[in-house]
Amino acid sequence: MLSRVVQRMRAAGVDNADQLGASMLREQQRINAAEVAEAIAGRRVPHLLKSARRAGLLKPEILEALGLSTHALIAGALRQPGEADATA
């Protein structure tokens, strides 16, 4: 997707499209890393994991069968509200 944005910036006549593209990529990587850190800590659980939790898809036997019981994002999704503050 970023390459298409850079191509469109070039087509629009932006002189430093490659530099802007690299800058945009670094910024998005920082945002993604921060979001993953919040999810692992249990401070902000992604919508799909909340839905999976409510539907019972994060039960221990299911996670064990899938080999996901030790995955950091799953552990973050299973934390109770307020528990993240105690571990941070």
Protein backbone atom coordinates (compact mmCIF):
# COMPACT_ATOMS: atom_id res chain seq x y z
CA MET A 1 0.00 0.00 0.00
CA LEU A 2 2.80 2.40 0.85
CA SER A 3 4.39 1.87 -2.56
CA ARG A 4 1.10 2.88 -4.20
CA VAL A 5 0.94 6.01 -2.06
CA VAL A 6 4.52 6.88 -3.02
CA GLN A 7 3.71 6.28 -6.70
CA ARG A 8 0.70 8.58 -6.45
CA MET A 9 2.76 11.24 -4.70
CA ARG A 10 5.34 11.02 -7.52
CA ALA A 11 2.54 11.25 -10.11
CA ALA A 12 1.22 14.33 -8.31
CA GLY A 13 4.64 15.95 -8.63
CA VAL A 14 5.86 15.63 -5.05
CA ASP A 15 9.63 16.08 -5.21
CA ASN A 16 10.62 14.07 -2.12
CA ALA A 17 8.04 11.27 -2.38
CA ASP A 18 10.59 8.58 -1.46
CA GLN A 19 11.69 10.44 1.66
CA LEU A 20 8.10 11.07 2.68
CA GLY A 21 7.28 7.40 2.09
CA ALA A 22 10.16 6.29 4.30
CA SER A 23 9.07 8.75 6.97
CA MET A 24 5.47 7.50 6.79
CA LEU A 25 6.66 3.90 7.13
CA ARG A 26 8.73 4.68 10.25
CA GLU A 27 5.81 6.55 11.81
CA GLN A 28 3.43 3.65 11.14
CA GLN A 29 5.92 1.16 12.57
CA ARG A 30 6.09 3.21 15.80
CA ILE A 31 2.30 3.33 15.98
CA ASN A 32 2.04 -0.43 15.39
CA ALA A 33 4.66 -1.18 18.05
CA ALA A 34 2.84 0.99 20.58
CA GLU A 35 -0.50 -0.70 19.82
CA VAL A 36 1.03 -4.17 20.20
CA ALA A 37 2.64 -3.14 23.51
CA GLU A 38 -0.74 -1.92 24.82
CA ALA A 39 -2.43 -5.14 23.72
CA ILE A 40 0.24 -7.34 25.30
CA ALA A 41 -0.06 -5.39 28.54
CA GLY A 42 -3.84 -5.81 28.42
CA ARG A 43 -4.47 -2.07 28.42
CA ARG A 44 -6.16 -2.11 25.02
CA VAL A 45 -7.54 -5.35 23.63
CA PRO A 46 -8.14 -5.47 19.85
CA HIS A 47 -11.80 -5.77 18.85
CA LEU A 48 -11.42 -9.25 17.32
CA LEU A 49 -9.86 -10.61 20.49
CA LYS A 50 -12.67 -9.08 22.57
CA SER A 51 -15.21 -10.76 20.31
CA ALA A 52 -13.36 -14.08 20.47
CA ARG A 53 -13.23 -13.84 24.26
CA ARG A 54 -16.99 -13.14 24.49
CA ALA A 55 -17.75 -16.02 22.11
CA GLY A 56 -15.77 -18.43 24.28
CA LEU A 57 -13.05 -18.99 21.69
CA LEU A 58 -10.29 -18.15 24.17
CA LYS A 59 -11.07 -21.00 26.53
CA PRO A 60 -7.96 -22.77 27.81
CA GLU A 61 -8.70 -26.05 25.99
CA ILE A 62 -9.16 -24.26 22.65
CA LEU A 63 -5.99 -22.20 23.07
CA GLU A 64 -4.04 -25.32 24.06
CA ALA A 65 -5.29 -27.22 21.00
CA LEU A 66 -4.25 -24.35 18.75
CA GLY A 67 -0.91 -23.91 20.49
CA LEU A 68 -1.74 -20.31 21.42
CA SER A 69 -1.94 -20.53 25.18
CA THR A 70 1.40 -18.73 25.67
CA HIS A 71 1.00 -16.10 22.93
CA ALA A 72 1.52 -12.62 24.36
CA LEU A 73 -1.51 -11.05 22.65
CA ILE A 74 -3.77 -13.81 23.96
CA ALA A 75 -2.44 -13.32 27.48
CA GLY A 76 -3.15 -9.59 27.17
CA ALA A 77 -6.70 -10.26 25.97
CA LEU A 78 -7.36 -12.56 28.92
CA ARG A 79 -6.25 -10.06 31.58
CA GLN A 80 -9.01 -8.56 33.68
CA PRO A 81 -9.50 -4.79 33.60
CA GLY A 82 -7.18 -3.18 36.14
CA GLU A 83 -4.83 -6.16 36.13
CA ALA A 84 -2.61 -4.49 33.51
CA ASP A 85 -1.92 -1.61 35.89
CA ALA A 86 -0.66 -4.02 38.55
CA THR A 87 1.79 -5.69 36.14
CA ALA A 88 3.03 -2.53 34.41
